[in-house]
Protein backbone atom coordinates (compact mmCIF):
# COMPACT_ATOMS: atom_id res chain seq x y z
CA MET A 1 120.22 132.77 65.07
CA ASP A 2 116.77 131.47 64.26
CA PRO A 3 116.77 130.41 60.59
CA THR A 4 113.12 131.38 60.24
CA ILE A 5 113.96 135.07 60.72
CA LYS A 6 114.73 136.67 57.36
CA ASP A 7 116.02 140.07 58.46
CA PHE A 8 115.47 142.92 60.92
CA GLU A 9 112.59 144.50 59.01
CA ALA A 10 110.76 141.18 58.63
CA ALA A 11 111.28 140.45 62.33
CA ILE A 12 109.81 143.82 63.33
CA ALA A 13 106.81 143.33 61.04
CA GLU A 14 106.14 139.86 62.42
CA LEU A 15 106.55 141.11 65.98
CA GLU A 16 104.03 143.89 65.36
CA GLY A 17 101.56 141.33 64.03
CA ILE A 18 102.03 139.16 67.09
CA VAL A 19 101.48 142.09 69.44
CA LYS A 20 98.28 142.99 67.61
CA LYS A 21 96.95 139.41 67.86
CA LEU A 22 97.81 139.18 71.54
CA GLU A 23 96.20 142.55 72.29
CA GLU A 24 92.95 141.37 70.71
CA GLY A 25 92.88 138.63 73.34
CA ASP A 26 90.59 136.21 71.47
CA LEU A 27 93.10 133.35 71.30
CA PRO A 28 93.29 130.06 73.17
CA LEU A 29 95.89 129.95 75.92
CA GLU A 30 98.27 127.61 74.06
CA THR A 31 98.16 129.79 70.95
CA SER A 32 98.83 132.89 73.03
CA LEU A 33 101.79 131.21 74.70
CA ALA A 34 103.23 130.10 71.35
CA LEU A 35 102.86 133.61 69.96
CA TYR A 36 104.44 135.10 73.06
CA GLU A 37 107.38 132.71 72.78
CA ARG A 38 107.86 133.64 69.11
CA GLY A 39 107.65 137.30 70.06
CA VAL A 40 110.42 136.88 72.63
CA THR A 41 112.61 135.21 69.98
CA LEU A 42 111.96 138.04 67.52
CA SER A 43 112.54 140.68 70.17
CA ARG A 44 115.90 139.17 71.13
CA TYR A 45 116.94 138.99 67.47
CA CYS A 46 116.03 142.65 66.92
CA HIS A 47 117.80 143.71 70.10
CA GLU A 48 120.99 141.90 69.03
CA ARG A 49 120.88 143.48 65.56
CA LEU A 50 120.38 146.95 67.06
CA GLU A 51 123.30 146.44 69.43
CA ALA A 52 125.50 145.35 66.51
CA ALA A 53 124.50 148.45 64.56
CA GLU A 54 125.26 150.63 67.57
CA ARG A 55 128.73 149.07 67.89
CA ARG A 56 129.37 149.77 64.20
CA ILE A 57 128.33 153.39 64.65
CA ASP A 58 130.59 153.71 67.69
CA VAL A 59 133.53 152.43 65.65
CA LEU A 60 132.79 154.90 62.86
CA ASN A 61 132.35 157.84 65.21
CA GLU A 62 135.44 157.25 67.29
CA ARG A 63 137.64 160.31 66.72
CA GLY A 64 135.74 160.99 63.51
CA GLU A 65 137.70 158.31 61.72
CA ALA A 66 136.40 155.14 60.17
CA ARG A 67 138.46 152.09 61.02
CA PRO A 68 137.86 148.37 60.57
CA ALA A 69 135.52 146.84 63.11
CA SER A 70 136.92 144.26 65.47
CA PRO A 71 136.30 140.66 64.37
CA ALA A 72 134.77 140.17 67.83
CA LEU A 73 131.77 142.20 66.67
CA GLY A 74 130.74 139.35 64.40
CA LEU A 75 130.21 141.59 61.40
CA ASP A 76 131.08 140.49 57.87
CA ARG A 77 133.08 142.88 55.75
CA ASP A 78 130.28 142.62 53.15
CA ASP A 79 127.90 144.32 55.61
CA GLU A 80 129.95 147.51 55.66
CA ALA A 81 128.93 150.17 53.19
């Protein structure tokens, strides 16, 4: 994980800002490429977090019973509410 990414919400906010800057189109090529690269990193992070959340929901919804998530999901017990 990229240590500069605080959490999902911060990643989404930063990604939205990057998209806005790139859509304006008034940036030098190197700056645009750097922003695009950062956007890809943020997008991958968000996608991974969403997939992890979906796996947690699947575990909770299975047969209507909550059961411990598999350690393979990479989720800490502290994350469960």
